[in-house]
Every structure is written in C-alpha cells, then in structure tokens.
Amino acid sequence: MSEMQDYKSSLSDPASRKFETFSYLPEMTQDQIRKQVQYIVNQGWNPAIEHTEPENAFSHYWYMWKLPMFGETDVDAILAEAEACHKEHPNNHVRLVGFDNYAQSQGANMVIFRGKMS
C-alpha cells in the first residue's frame, strides 16, 4: 500500500486550512470552473453563490449572495454572479453550490475564489 500524504492543516494557521475536496487539488483554471458550472447545469441542479470571511470558512453558515439561481442554465450568467460577489467581497471566500432538488441536498460545493488570509 502506498504512503498516505498528510496535509498539514490547522486552525492556528489559516493559510493551511482546506475547505472541501477540491481544496486538496491545484487551483482550478477558469476553464475548469466553467466545466464544473456546466456539470451543475447538466444535472439540473440549482446553482447558488455563497461567501464568508476566511476566518469563518469552517462555520456551517455562509452568507448567501442573492437567492439561489433557480432554473438558471446560462453558464455565463452563473459565472457573472460569482464574479460580482467576488468583486463586492474581495476578501471573502466565494463558493458555488449546486442544489439537487430531488435528493434535497447539495450535489456540488466548491470554493471558486479564495479570500485573503489575515
């Protein structure tokens, strides 16, 4: 069995913290983010944008950026809302959520803009 990598992450070091599965991968390019948004749309999930201060990223509560985009299928419109949230809150983490109506849960959740660590 291969060695498991230990990701040094701690509450005392905000720069080391991980937020979800994609945090362990290299940052996504704009094209990769677009493909994730397209996947959410293809699944019929409702996209939503949320944000929070980096020091509160482990909280279960993130601020909602407007209402979820119920029924939105335009990838450019979804990305524009994420960008608008990032511009309004440049020091916050911004994440994209895909809500699955049938499973009554999040089908996708990823940080697409990282705020500045203090």
PDB file of N, CA and C in Angstrom:
ATOM      1  N   MET A   1       0.847  -1.183   0.000  1.00  0.00           N
ATOM      2  CA  MET A   1       0.000   0.000   0.000  1.00  0.00           C
ATOM      3  C   MET A   1       0.888   1.240   0.000  1.00  0.00           C
ATOM      4  N   SER A   2       0.521   2.214  -0.788  1.00  0.00           N
ATOM      5  CA  SER A   2       1.326   3.430  -0.861  1.00  0.00           C
ATOM      6  C   SER A   2       1.128   4.281   0.392  1.00  0.00           C
ATOM      7  N   GLU A   3       2.073   5.141   0.622  1.00  0.00           N
ATOM      8  CA  GLU A   3       2.003   6.031   1.767  1.00  0.00           C
ATOM      9  C   GLU A   3       0.897   7.063   1.548  1.00  0.00           C
ATOM     10  N   MET A   4       0.166   7.337   2.584  1.00  0.00           N
ATOM     11  CA  MET A   4      -0.854   8.383   2.537  1.00  0.00           C
ATOM     12  C   MET A   4      -0.179   9.710   2.834  1.00  0.00           C
ATOM     13  N   GLN A   5      -0.538  10.746   2.100  1.00  0.00           N
ATOM     14  CA  GLN A   5       0.037  12.063   2.341  1.00  0.00           C
ATOM     15  C   GLN A   5      -0.725  12.752   3.462  1.00  0.00           C
ATOM     16  N   ASP A   6       0.009  13.331   4.398  1.00  0.00           N
ATOM     17  CA  ASP A   6      -0.597  14.082   5.486  1.00  0.00           C
ATOM     18  C   ASP A   6      -0.616  15.550   5.103  1.00  0.00           C
ATOM     19  N   TYR A   7      -1.796  16.117   4.971  1.00  0.00           N
ATOM     20  CA  TYR A   7      -1.913  17.527   4.649  1.00  0.00           C
ATOM     21  C   TYR A   7      -1.875  18.301   5.954  1.00  0.00           C
ATOM     22  N   LYS A   8      -0.830  19.063   6.145  1.00  0.00           N
ATOM     23  CA  LYS A   8      -0.655  19.839   7.371  1.00  0.00           C
ATOM     24  C   LYS A   8      -1.675  20.976   7.373  1.00  0.00           C
ATOM     25  N   SER A   9      -2.724  20.807   8.126  1.00  0.00           N
ATOM     26  CA  SER A   9      -3.787  21.791   8.209  1.00  0.00           C
ATOM     27  C   SER A   9      -4.105  22.000   9.677  1.00  0.00           C
ATOM     28  N   SER A  10      -4.221  23.271  10.091  1.00  0.00           N
ATOM     29  CA  SER A  10      -4.521  23.540  11.486  1.00  0.00           C
ATOM     30  C   SER A  10      -5.344  24.818  11.620  1.00  0.00           C
ATOM     31  N   LEU A  11      -6.066  24.900  12.720  1.00  0.00           N
ATOM     32  CA  LEU A  11      -6.860  26.096  12.979  1.00  0.00           C
ATOM     33  C   LEU A  11      -5.982  27.307  13.231  1.00  0.00           C
ATOM     34  N   SER A  12      -4.789  27.080  13.787  1.00  0.00           N
ATOM     35  CA  SER A  12      -3.906  28.204  14.101  1.00  0.00           C
ATOM     36  C   SER A  12      -3.216  28.789  12.869  1.00  0.00           C
ATOM     37  N   ASP A  13      -3.242  28.070  11.747  1.00  0.00           N
ATOM     38  CA  ASP A  13      -2.620  28.548  10.514  1.00  0.00           C
ATOM     39  C   ASP A  13      -3.680  28.654   9.420  1.00  0.00           C
ATOM     40  N   PRO A  14      -4.318  29.832   9.293  1.00  0.00           N
ATOM     41  CA  PRO A  14      -5.409  29.963   8.316  1.00  0.00           C
ATOM     42  C   PRO A  14      -5.007  29.615   6.894  1.00  0.00           C
ATOM     43  N   ALA A  15      -3.762  29.848   6.509  1.00  0.00           N
ATOM     44  CA  ALA A  15      -3.332  29.558   5.140  1.00  0.00           C
ATOM     45  C   ALA A  15      -3.289  28.058   4.858  1.00  0.00           C
ATOM     46  N   SER A  16      -3.258  27.235   5.896  1.00  0.00           N
ATOM     47  CA  SER A  16      -3.156  25.785   5.706  1.00  0.00           C
ATOM     48  C   SER A  16      -4.511  25.100   5.609  1.00  0.00           C
ATOM     49  N   ARG A  17      -5.572  25.801   5.903  1.00  0.00           N
ATOM     50  CA  ARG A  17      -6.893  25.176   6.001  1.00  0.00           C
ATOM     51  C   ARG A  17      -7.438  24.728   4.650  1.00  0.00           C
ATOM     52  N   LYS A  18      -8.136  23.603   4.672  1.00  0.00           N
ATOM     53  CA  LYS A  18      -8.794  23.059   3.489  1.00  0.00           C
ATOM     54  C   LYS A  18     -10.294  23.209   3.680  1.00  0.00           C
ATOM     55  N   PHE A  19     -11.035  23.402   2.571  1.00  0.00           N
ATOM     56  CA  PHE A  19     -12.453  23.714   2.669  1.00  0.00           C
ATOM     57  C   PHE A  19     -13.361  22.634   2.115  1.00  0.00           C
ATOM     58  N   GLU A  20     -12.914  21.887   1.171  1.00  0.00           N
ATOM     59  CA  GLU A  20     -13.696  20.812   0.574  1.00  0.00           C
ATOM     60  C   GLU A  20     -12.759  19.996  -0.302  1.00  0.00           C
ATOM     61  N   THR A  21     -13.250  18.992  -0.950  1.00  0.00           N
ATOM     62  CA  THR A  21     -12.406  18.077  -1.713  1.00  0.00           C
ATOM     63  C   THR A  21     -11.480  18.793  -2.687  1.00  0.00           C
ATOM     64  N   PHE A  22     -11.983  19.793  -3.421  1.00  0.00           N
ATOM     65  CA  PHE A  22     -11.157  20.457  -4.415  1.00  0.00           C
ATOM     66  C   PHE A  22     -10.016  21.261  -3.796  1.00  0.00           C
ATOM     67  N   SER A  23     -10.089  21.559  -2.496  1.00  0.00           N
ATOM     68  CA  SER A  23      -9.012  22.310  -1.850  1.00  0.00           C
ATOM     69  C   SER A  23      -7.698  21.541  -1.845  1.00  0.00           C
ATOM     70  N   TYR A  24      -7.767  20.233  -1.978  1.00  0.00           N
ATOM     71  CA  TYR A  24      -6.561  19.416  -1.962  1.00  0.00           C
ATOM     72  C   TYR A  24      -5.924  19.305  -3.340  1.00  0.00           C
ATOM     73  N   LEU A  25      -6.574  19.849  -4.325  1.00  0.00           N
ATOM     74  CA  LEU A  25      -6.070  19.833  -5.695  1.00  0.00           C
ATOM     75  C   LEU A  25      -5.494  21.205  -6.028  1.00  0.00           C
ATOM     76  N   PRO A  26      -4.719  21.300  -7.084  1.00  0.00           N
ATOM     77  CA  PRO A  26      -4.268  22.633  -7.516  1.00  0.00           C
ATOM     78  C   PRO A  26      -5.487  23.498  -7.837  1.00  0.00           C
ATOM     79  N   GLU A  27      -5.322  24.825  -7.726  1.00  0.00           N
ATOM     80  CA  GLU A  27      -6.438  25.715  -8.039  1.00  0.00           C
ATOM     81  C   GLU A  27      -6.963  25.444  -9.441  1.00  0.00           C
ATOM     82  N   MET A  28      -8.275  25.517  -9.583  1.00  0.00           N
ATOM     83  CA  MET A  28      -8.882  25.288 -10.883  1.00  0.00           C
ATOM     84  C   MET A  28      -8.668  26.500 -11.788  1.00  0.00           C
ATOM     85  N   THR A  29      -8.493  26.229 -13.056  1.00  0.00           N
ATOM     86  CA  THR A  29      -8.422  27.306 -14.047  1.00  0.00           C
ATOM     87  C   THR A  29      -9.841  27.798 -14.318  1.00  0.00           C
ATOM     88  N   GLN A  30      -9.949  28.927 -15.005  1.00  0.00           N
ATOM     89  CA  GLN A  30     -11.272  29.438 -15.369  1.00  0.00           C
ATOM     90  C   GLN A  30     -12.034  28.432 -16.234  1.00  0.00           C
ATOM     91  N   ASP A  31     -11.319  27.737 -17.106  1.00  0.00           N
ATOM     92  CA  ASP A  31     -11.953  26.727 -17.959  1.00  0.00           C
ATOM     93  C   ASP A  31     -12.476  25.558 -17.122  1.00  0.00           C
ATOM     94  N   GLN A  32     -11.712  25.136 -16.128  1.00  0.00           N
ATOM     95  CA  GLN A  32     -12.152  24.040 -15.263  1.00  0.00           C
ATOM     96  C   GLN A  32     -13.359  24.454 -14.425  1.00  0.00           C
ATOM     97  N   ILE A  33     -13.363  25.700 -13.939  1.00  0.00           N
ATOM     98  CA  ILE A  33     -14.517  26.193 -13.187  1.00  0.00           C
ATOM     99  C   ILE A  33     -15.745  26.219 -14.094  1.00  0.00           C
ATOM    100  N   ARG A  34     -15.569  26.691 -15.317  1.00  0.00           N
ATOM    101  CA  ARG A  34     -16.680  26.724 -16.291  1.00  0.00           C
ATOM    102  C   ARG A  34     -17.241  25.311 -16.497  1.00  0.00           C
ATOM    103  N   LYS A  35     -16.369  24.325 -16.598  1.00  0.00           N
ATOM    104  CA  LYS A  35     -16.829  22.939 -16.790  1.00  0.00           C
ATOM    105  C   LYS A  35     -17.605  22.444 -15.566  1.00  0.00           C
ATOM    106  N   GLN A  36     -17.208  22.856 -14.376  1.00  0.00           N
ATOM    107  CA  GLN A  36     -17.943  22.469 -13.171  1.00  0.00           C
ATOM    108  C   GLN A  36     -19.332  23.104 -13.161  1.00  0.00           C
ATOM    109  N   VAL A  37     -19.407  24.375 -13.574  1.00  0.00           N
ATOM    110  CA  VAL A  37     -20.705  25.053 -13.664  1.00  0.00           C
ATOM    111  C   VAL A  37     -21.572  24.344 -14.698  1.00  0.00           C
ATOM    112  N   GLN A  38     -20.993  23.993 -15.837  1.00  0.00           N
ATOM    113  CA  GLN A  38     -21.741  23.285 -16.878  1.00  0.00           C
ATOM    114  C   GLN A  38     -22.247  21.945 -16.359  1.00  0.00           C
ATOM    115  N   TYR A  39     -21.445  21.256 -15.558  1.00  0.00           N
ATOM    116  CA  TYR A  39     -21.869  19.982 -14.968  1.00  0.00           C
ATOM    117  C   TYR A  39     -23.087  20.197 -14.070  1.00  0.00           C
ATOM    118  N   ILE A  40     -23.038  21.239 -13.229  1.00  0.00           N
ATOM    119  CA  ILE A  40     -24.165  21.544 -12.348  1.00  0.00           C
ATOM    120  C   ILE A  40     -25.430  21.785 -13.180  1.00  0.00           C
ATOM    121  N   VAL A  41     -25.298  22.571 -14.243  1.00  0.00           N
ATOM    122  CA  VAL A  41     -26.434  22.851 -15.138  1.00  0.00           C
ATOM    123  C   VAL A  41     -26.925  21.560 -15.790  1.00  0.00           C
ATOM    124  N   ASN A  42     -25.998  20.738 -16.280  1.00  0.00           N
ATOM    125  CA  ASN A  42     -26.374  19.487 -16.955  1.00  0.00           C
ATOM    126  C   ASN A  42     -27.123  18.530 -16.037  1.00  0.00           C
ATOM    127  N   GLN A  43     -26.827  18.593 -14.730  1.00  0.00           N
ATOM    128  CA  GLN A  43     -27.502  17.717 -13.764  1.00  0.00           C
ATOM    129  C   GLN A  43     -28.899  18.240 -13.409  1.00  0.00           C
ATOM    130  N   GLY A  44     -29.199  19.458 -13.838  1.00  0.00           N
ATOM    131  CA  GLY A  44     -30.483  20.062 -13.499  1.00  0.00           C
ATOM    132  C   GLY A  44     -30.501  20.639 -12.094  1.00  0.00           C
ATOM    133  N   TRP A  45     -29.328  20.830 -11.502  1.00  0.00           N
ATOM    134  CA  TRP A  45     -29.233  21.375 -10.151  1.00  0.00           C
ATOM    135  C   TRP A  45     -29.351  22.892 -10.194  1.00  0.00           C
ATOM    136  N   ASN A  46     -29.777  23.473  -9.096  1.00  0.00           N
ATOM    137  CA  ASN A  46     -29.910  24.926  -8.986  1.00  0.00           C
ATOM    138  C   ASN A  46     -28.633  25.519  -8.416  1.00  0.00           C
ATOM    139  N   PRO A  47     -27.973  26.390  -9.168  1.00  0.00           N
ATOM    140  CA  PRO A  47     -26.744  26.998  -8.673  1.00  0.00           C
ATOM    141  C   PRO A  47     -27.041  28.095  -7.645  1.00  0.00           C
ATOM    142  N   ALA A  48     -26.124  28.243  -6.713  1.00  0.00           N
ATOM    143  CA  ALA A  48     -26.196  29.318  -5.726  1.00  0.00           C
ATOM    144  C   ALA A  48     -24.772  29.774  -5.429  1.00  0.00           C
ATOM    145  N   ILE A  49     -24.644  31.027  -5.056  1.00  0.00           N
ATOM    146  CA  ILE A  49     -23.349  31.609  -4.710  1.00  0.00           C
ATOM    147  C   ILE A  49     -23.392  31.987  -3.234  1.00  0.00           C
ATOM    148  N   GLU A  50     -22.356  31.615  -2.491  1.00  0.00           N
ATOM    149  CA  GLU A  50     -22.238  31.950  -1.077  1.00  0.00           C
ATOM    150  C   GLU A  50     -20.845  32.516  -0.824  1.00  0.00           C
ATOM    151  N   HIS A  51     -20.709  33.256   0.278  1.00  0.00           N
ATOM    152  CA  HIS A  51     -19.398  33.817   0.619  1.00  0.00           C
ATOM    153  C   HIS A  51     -19.260  33.937   2.130  1.00  0.00           C
ATOM    154  N   THR A  52     -18.018  33.996   2.595  1.00  0.00           N
ATOM    155  CA  THR A  52     -17.745  34.218   4.013  1.00  0.00           C
ATOM    156  C   THR A  52     -16.310  34.687   4.188  1.00  0.00           C
ATOM    157  N   GLU A  53     -16.030  35.250   5.351  1.00  0.00           N
ATOM    158  CA  GLU A  53     -14.674  35.654   5.685  1.00  0.00           C
ATOM    159  C   GLU A  53     -13.820  34.401   5.851  1.00  0.00           C
ATOM    160  N   PRO A  54     -12.530  34.452   5.473  1.00  0.00           N
ATOM    161  CA  PRO A  54     -11.676  33.270   5.599  1.00  0.00           C
ATOM    162  C   PRO A  54     -11.655  32.681   7.007  1.00  0.00           C
ATOM    163  N   GLU A  55     -11.695  33.535   8.023  1.00  0.00           N
ATOM    164  CA  GLU A  55     -11.640  33.018   9.396  1.00  0.00           C
ATOM    165  C   GLU A  55     -12.919  32.288   9.805  1.00  0.00           C
ATOM    166  N   ASN A  56     -14.003  32.466   9.043  1.00  0.00           N
ATOM    167  CA  ASN A  56     -15.267  31.786   9.338  1.00  0.00           C
ATOM    168  C   ASN A  56     -15.573  30.651   8.364  1.00  0.00           C
ATOM    169  N   ALA A  57     -14.620  30.271   7.553  1.00  0.00           N
ATOM    170  CA  ALA A  57     -14.876  29.288   6.498  1.00  0.00           C
ATOM    171  C   ALA A  57     -15.283  27.917   7.028  1.00  0.00           C
ATOM    172  N   PHE A  58     -14.937  27.607   8.271  1.00  0.00           N
ATOM    173  CA  PHE A  58     -15.321  26.309   8.822  1.00  0.00           C
ATOM    174  C   PHE A  58     -16.712  26.319   9.427  1.00  0.00           C
ATOM    175  N   SER A  59     -17.321  27.494   9.488  1.00  0.00           N
ATOM    176  CA  SER A  59     -18.671  27.601  10.017  1.00  0.00           C
ATOM    177  C   SER A  59     -19.651  26.948   9.036  1.00  0.00           C
ATOM    178  N   HIS A  60     -20.730  26.438   9.555  1.00  0.00           N
ATOM    179  CA  HIS A  60     -21.757  25.855   8.686  1.00  0.00           C
ATOM    180  C   HIS A  60     -22.540  26.937   7.963  1.00  0.00           C
ATOM    181  N   TYR A  61     -22.460  28.153   8.465  1.00  0.00           N
ATOM    182  CA  TYR A  61     -23.228  29.252   7.883  1.00  0.00           C
ATOM    183  C   TYR A  61     -22.332  30.108   7.006  1.00  0.00           C
ATOM    184  N   TRP A  62     -22.647  30.202   5.747  1.00  0.00           N
ATOM    185  CA  TRP A  62     -22.023  31.135   4.821  1.00  0.00           C
ATOM    186  C   TRP A  62     -23.114  32.100   4.384  1.00  0.00           C
ATOM    187  N   TYR A  63     -22.747  33.330   4.035  1.00  0.00           N
ATOM    188  CA  TYR A  63     -23.716  34.318   3.576  1.00  0.00           C
ATOM    189  C   TYR A  63     -24.177  33.967   2.165  1.00  0.00           C
ATOM    190  N   MET A  64     -25.456  34.094   1.935  1.00  0.00           N
ATOM    191  CA  MET A  64     -25.996  33.834   0.607  1.00  0.00           C
ATOM    192  C   MET A  64     -25.849  35.103  -0.236  1.00  0.00           C
ATOM    193  N   TRP A  65     -25.346  34.933  -1.446  1.00  0.00           N
ATOM    194  CA  TRP A  65     -25.292  36.036  -2.409  1.00  0.00           C
ATOM    195  C   TRP A  65     -26.578  35.969  -3.213  1.00  0.00           C
ATOM    196  N   LYS A  66     -27.489  36.838  -2.919  1.00  0.00           N
ATOM    197  CA  LYS A  66     -28.810  36.848  -3.553  1.00  0.00           C
ATOM    198  C   LYS A  66     -29.513  35.511  -3.292  1.00  0.00           C
ATOM    199  N   LEU A  67     -30.558  35.226  -4.023  1.00  0.00           N
ATOM    200  CA  LEU A  67     -31.252  33.946  -3.897  1.00  0.00           C
ATOM    201  C   LEU A  67     -30.579  32.911  -4.794  1.00  0.00           C
ATOM    202  N   PRO A  68     -30.791  31.612  -4.530  1.00  0.00           N
ATOM    203  CA  PRO A  68     -30.293  30.617  -5.484  1.00  0.00           C
ATOM    204  C   PRO A  68     -30.851  30.914  -6.873  1.00  0.00           C
ATOM    205  N   MET A  69     -30.126  30.532  -7.878  1.00  0.00           N
ATOM    206  CA  MET A  69     -30.491  30.841  -9.261  1.00  0.00           C
ATOM    207  C   MET A  69     -31.366  29.711  -9.819  1.00  0.00           C
ATOM    208  N   PHE A  70     -32.578  29.606  -9.274  1.00  0.00           N
ATOM    209  CA  PHE A  70     -33.487  28.521  -9.623  1.00  0.00           C
ATOM    210  C   PHE A  70     -33.711  28.435 -11.128  1.00  0.00           C
ATOM    211  N   GLY A  71     -33.400  27.279 -11.693  1.00  0.00           N
ATOM    212  CA  GLY A  71     -33.650  27.039 -13.108  1.00  0.00           C
ATOM    213  C   GLY A  71     -32.672  27.692 -14.067  1.00  0.00           C
ATOM    214  N   GLU A  72     -31.654  28.357 -13.561  1.00  0.00           N
ATOM    215  CA  GLU A  72     -30.701  29.038 -14.450  1.00  0.00           C
ATOM    216  C   GLU A  72     -29.862  28.002 -15.203  1.00  0.00           C
ATOM    217  N   THR A  73     -29.786  28.178 -16.523  1.00  0.00           N
ATOM    218  CA  THR A  73     -28.992  27.258 -17.351  1.00  0.00           C
ATOM    219  C   THR A  73     -27.890  27.968 -18.119  1.00  0.00           C
ATOM    220  N   ASP A  74     -27.800  29.282 -17.981  1.00  0.00           N
ATOM    221  CA  ASP A  74     -26.780  30.058 -18.683  1.00  0.00           C
ATOM    222  C   ASP A  74     -25.503  30.094 -17.839  1.00  0.00           C
ATOM    223  N   VAL A  75     -24.497  29.363 -18.286  1.00  0.00           N
ATOM    224  CA  VAL A  75     -23.230  29.268 -17.555  1.00  0.00           C
ATOM    225  C   VAL A  75     -22.616  30.651 -17.378  1.00  0.00           C
ATOM    226  N   ASP A  76     -22.686  31.489 -18.402  1.00  0.00           N
ATOM    227  CA  ASP A  76     -22.109  32.833 -18.304  1.00  0.00           C
ATOM    228  C   ASP A  76     -22.808  33.670 -17.237  1.00  0.00           C
ATOM    229  N   ALA A  77     -24.110  33.535 -17.102  1.00  0.00           N
ATOM    230  CA  ALA A  77     -24.858  34.282 -16.088  1.00  0.00           C
ATOM    231  C   ALA A  77     -24.449  33.833 -14.686  1.00  0.00           C
ATOM    232  N   ILE A  78     -24.258  32.540 -14.513  1.00  0.00           N
ATOM    233  CA  ILE A  78     -23.845  31.997 -13.210  1.00  0.00           C
ATOM    234  C   ILE A  78     -22.446  32.490 -12.859  1.00  0.00           C
ATOM    235  N   LEU A  79     -21.536  32.415 -13.818  1.00  0.00           N
ATOM    236  CA  LEU A  79     -20.167  32.891 -13.582  1.00  0.00           C
ATOM    237  C   LEU A  79     -20.137  34.398 -13.326  1.00  0.00           C
ATOM    238  N   ALA A  80     -21.010  35.148 -13.988  1.00  0.00           N
ATOM    239  CA  ALA A  80     -21.075  36.596 -13.781  1.00  0.00           C
ATOM    240  C   ALA A  80     -21.527  36.914 -12.354  1.00  0.00           C
ATOM    241  N   GLU A  81     -22.462  36.149 -11.830  1.00  0.00           N
ATOM    242  CA  GLU A  81     -22.904  36.356 -10.447  1.00  0.00           C
ATOM    243  C   GLU A  81     -21.781  36.023  -9.460  1.00  0.00           C
ATOM    244  N   ALA A  82     -21.043  34.966  -9.724  1.00  0.00           N
ATOM    245  CA  ALA A  82     -19.909  34.615  -8.854  1.00  0.00           C
ATOM    246  C   ALA A  82     -18.863  35.725  -8.873  1.00  0.00           C
ATOM    247  N   GLU A  83     -18.590  36.254 -10.051  1.00  0.00           N
ATOM    248  CA  GLU A  83     -17.631  37.348 -10.198  1.00  0.00           C
ATOM    249  C   GLU A  83     -18.136  38.605  -9.484  1.00  0.00           C
ATOM    250  N   ALA A  84     -19.420  38.906  -9.593  1.00  0.00           N
ATOM    251  CA  ALA A  84     -19.997  40.074  -8.924  1.00  0.00           C
ATOM    252  C   ALA A  84     -19.872  39.944  -7.406  1.00  0.00           C
ATOM    253  N   CYS A  85     -20.113  38.749  -6.900  1.00  0.00           N
ATOM    254  CA  CYS A  85     -19.962  38.504  -5.463  1.00  0.00           C
ATOM    255  C   CYS A  85     -18.509  38.710  -5.043  1.00  0.00           C
ATOM    256  N   HIS A  86     -17.592  38.185  -5.843  1.00  0.00           N
ATOM    257  CA  HIS A  86     -16.161  38.331  -5.542  1.00  0.00           C
ATOM    258  C   HIS A  86     -15.741  39.804  -5.563  1.00  0.00           C
ATOM    259  N   LYS A  87     -16.235  40.556  -6.512  1.00  0.00           N
ATOM    260  CA  LYS A  87     -15.899  41.985  -6.589  1.00  0.00           C
ATOM    261  C   LYS A  87     -16.468  42.757  -5.398  1.00  0.00           C
ATOM    262  N   GLU A  88     -17.666  42.389  -4.971  1.00  0.00           N
ATOM    263  CA  GLU A  88     -18.298  43.058  -3.830  1.00  0.00           C
ATOM    264  C   GLU A  88     -17.630  42.677  -2.508  1.00  0.00           C
ATOM    265  N   HIS A  89     -17.115  41.456  -2.426  1.00  0.00           N
ATOM    266  CA  HIS A  89     -16.498  40.940  -1.190  1.00  0.00           C
ATOM    267  C   HIS A  89     -15.124  40.343  -1.525  1.00  0.00           C
ATOM    268  N   PRO A  90     -14.167  41.172  -1.933  1.00  0.00           N
ATOM    269  CA  PRO A  90     -12.875  40.656  -2.419  1.00  0.00           C
ATOM    270  C   PRO A  90     -12.037  39.932  -1.367  1.00  0.00           C
ATOM    271  N   ASN A  91     -12.303  40.156  -0.095  1.00  0.00           N
ATOM    272  CA  ASN A  91     -11.533  39.490   0.955  1.00  0.00           C
ATOM    273  C   ASN A  91     -12.180  38.193   1.431  1.00  0.00           C
ATOM    274  N   ASN A  92     -13.352  37.876   0.896  1.00  0.00           N
ATOM    275  CA  ASN A  92     -14.069  36.669   1.314  1.00  0.00           C
ATOM    276  C   ASN A  92     -13.824  35.503   0.372  1.00  0.00           C
ATOM    277  N   HIS A  93     -14.022  34.310   0.902  1.00  0.00           N
ATOM    278  CA  HIS A  93     -14.079  33.122   0.053  1.00  0.00           C
ATOM    279  C   HIS A  93     -15.450  33.144  -0.629  1.00  0.00           C
ATOM    280  N   VAL A  94     -15.482  32.734  -1.871  1.00  0.00           N
ATOM    281  CA  VAL A  94     -16.743  32.636  -2.616  1.00  0.00           C
ATOM    282  C   VAL A  94     -16.864  31.196  -3.100  1.00  0.00           C
ATOM    283  N   ARG A  95     -18.001  30.600  -2.821  1.00  0.00           N
ATOM    284  CA  ARG A  95     -18.197  29.221  -3.283  1.00  0.00           C
ATOM    285  C   ARG A  95     -19.442  29.104  -4.136  1.00  0.00           C
ATOM    286  N   LEU A  96     -19.394  28.123  -5.000  1.00  0.00           N
ATOM    287  CA  LEU A  96     -20.502  27.769  -5.882  1.00  0.00           C
ATOM    288  C   LEU A  96     -21.131  26.495  -5.344  1.00  0.00           C
ATOM    289  N   VAL A  97     -22.438  26.501  -5.223  1.00  0.00           N
ATOM    290  CA  VAL A  97     -23.177  25.342  -4.731  1.00  0.00           C
ATOM    291  C   VAL A  97     -24.168  24.923  -5.801  1.00  0.00           C
ATOM    292  N   GLY A  98     -24.326  23.624  -5.988  1.00  0.00           N
ATOM    293  CA  GLY A  98     -25.353  23.092  -6.873  1.00  0.00           C
ATOM    294  C   GLY A  98     -26.348  22.311  -6.036  1.00  0.00           C
ATOM    295  N   PHE A  99     -27.571  22.817  -5.889  1.00  0.00           N
ATOM    296  CA  PHE A  99     -28.593  22.154  -5.083  1.00  0.00           C
ATOM    297  C   PHE A  99     -29.371  21.157  -5.928  1.00  0.00           C
ATOM    298  N   ASP A 100     -29.448  19.931  -5.442  1.00  0.00           N
ATOM    299  CA  ASP A 100     -30.179  18.856  -6.094  1.00  0.00           C
ATOM    300  C   ASP A 100     -31.588  18.807  -5.504  1.00  0.00           C
ATOM    301  N   ASN A 101     -32.577  19.202  -6.301  1.00  0.00           N
ATOM    302  CA  ASN A 101     -33.965  19.234  -5.814  1.00  0.00           C
ATOM    303  C   ASN A 101     -34.475  17.864  -5.381  1.00  0.00           C
ATOM    304  N   TYR A 102     -34.074  16.833  -6.082  1.00  0.00           N
ATOM    305  CA  TYR A 102     -34.615  15.505  -5.819  1.00  0.00           C
ATOM    306  C   TYR A 102     -34.014  14.881  -4.573  1.00  0.00           C
ATOM    307  N   ALA A 103     -32.716  14.998  -4.399  1.00  0.00           N
ATOM    308  CA  ALA A 103     -32.063  14.441  -3.216  1.00  0.00           C
ATOM    309  C   ALA A 103     -32.199  15.371  -2.011  1.00  0.00           C
ATOM    310  N   GLN A 104     -32.676  16.600  -2.258  1.00  0.00           N
ATOM    311  CA  GLN A 104     -32.821  17.591  -1.195  1.00  0.00           C
ATOM    312  C   GLN A 104     -31.499  17.830  -0.475  1.00  0.00           C
ATOM    313  N   SER A 105     -30.452  17.984  -1.278  1.00  0.00           N
ATOM    314  CA  SER A 105     -29.116  18.186  -0.709  1.00  0.00           C
ATOM    315  C   SER A 105     -28.237  18.916  -1.722  1.00  0.00           C
ATOM    316  N   GLN A 106     -27.022  19.201  -1.305  1.00  0.00           N
ATOM    317  CA  GLN A 106     -26.056  19.795  -2.214  1.00  0.00           C
ATOM    318  C   GLN A 106     -25.443  18.695  -3.075  1.00  0.00           C
ATOM    319  N   GLY A 107     -25.502  18.878  -4.371  1.00  0.00           N
ATOM    320  CA  GLY A 107     -24.874  17.927  -5.278  1.00  0.00           C
ATOM    321  C   GLY A 107     -23.436  18.311  -5.569  1.00  0.00           C
ATOM    322  N   ALA A 108     -23.128  19.606  -5.419  1.00  0.00           N
ATOM    323  CA  ALA A 108     -21.774  20.113  -5.644  1.00  0.00           C
ATOM    324  C   ALA A 108     -21.564  21.315  -4.728  1.00  0.00           C
ATOM    325  N   ASN A 109     -20.318  21.514  -4.340  1.00  0.00           N
ATOM    326  CA  ASN A 109     -19.969  22.627  -3.469  1.00  0.00           C
ATOM    327  C   ASN A 109     -18.475  22.842  -3.610  1.00  0.00           C
ATOM    328  N   MET A 110     -18.062  24.018  -4.089  1.00  0.00           N
ATOM    329  CA  MET A 110     -16.625  24.267  -4.271  1.00  0.00           C
ATOM    330  C   MET A 110     -16.308  25.736  -4.122  1.00  0.00           C
ATOM    331  N   VAL A 111     -15.179  26.018  -3.489  1.00  0.00           N
ATOM    332  CA  VAL A 111     -14.686  27.390  -3.380  1.00  0.00           C
ATOM    333  C   VAL A 111     -14.064  27.750  -4.725  1.00  0.00           C
ATOM    334  N   ILE A 112     -14.546  28.850  -5.334  1.00  0.00           N
ATOM    335  CA  ILE A 112     -14.003  29.236  -6.635  1.00  0.00           C
ATOM    336  C   ILE A 112     -13.185  30.528  -6.575  1.00  0.00           C
ATOM    337  N   PHE A 113     -13.330  31.274  -5.476  1.00  0.00           N
ATOM    338  CA  PHE A 113     -12.460  32.423  -5.202  1.00  0.00           C
ATOM    339  C   PHE A 113     -12.048  32.322  -3.745  1.00  0.00           C
ATOM    340  N   ARG A 114     -10.766  32.450  -3.498  1.00  0.00           N
ATOM    341  CA  ARG A 114     -10.289  32.416  -2.115  1.00  0.00           C
ATOM    342  C   ARG A 114      -9.993  33.834  -1.649  1.00  0.00           C
ATOM    343  N   GLY A 115     -10.480  34.145  -0.447  1.00  0.00           N
ATOM    344  CA  GLY A 115     -10.226  35.460   0.137  1.00  0.00           C
ATOM    345  C   GLY A 115      -8.812  35.545   0.677  1.00  0.00           C
ATOM    346  N   LYS A 116      -8.451  36.746   1.044  1.00  0.00           N
ATOM    347  CA  LYS A 116      -7.117  36.967   1.592  1.00  0.00           C
ATOM    348  C   LYS A 116      -7.060  36.481   3.034  1.00  0.00           C
ATOM    349  N   MET A 117      -6.034  35.725   3.333  1.00  0.00           N
ATOM    350  CA  MET A 117      -5.839  35.232   4.700  1.00  0.00           C
ATOM    351  C   MET A 117      -5.186  36.323   5.521  1.00  0.00           C
ATOM    352  N   SER A 118      -5.714  36.562   6.729  1.00  0.00           N
ATOM    353  CA  SER A 118      -5.111  37.591   7.570  1.00  0.00           C
ATOM    354  C   SER A 118      -4.026  37.044   8.464  1.00  0.00           C
TER     355      SER A 118
END
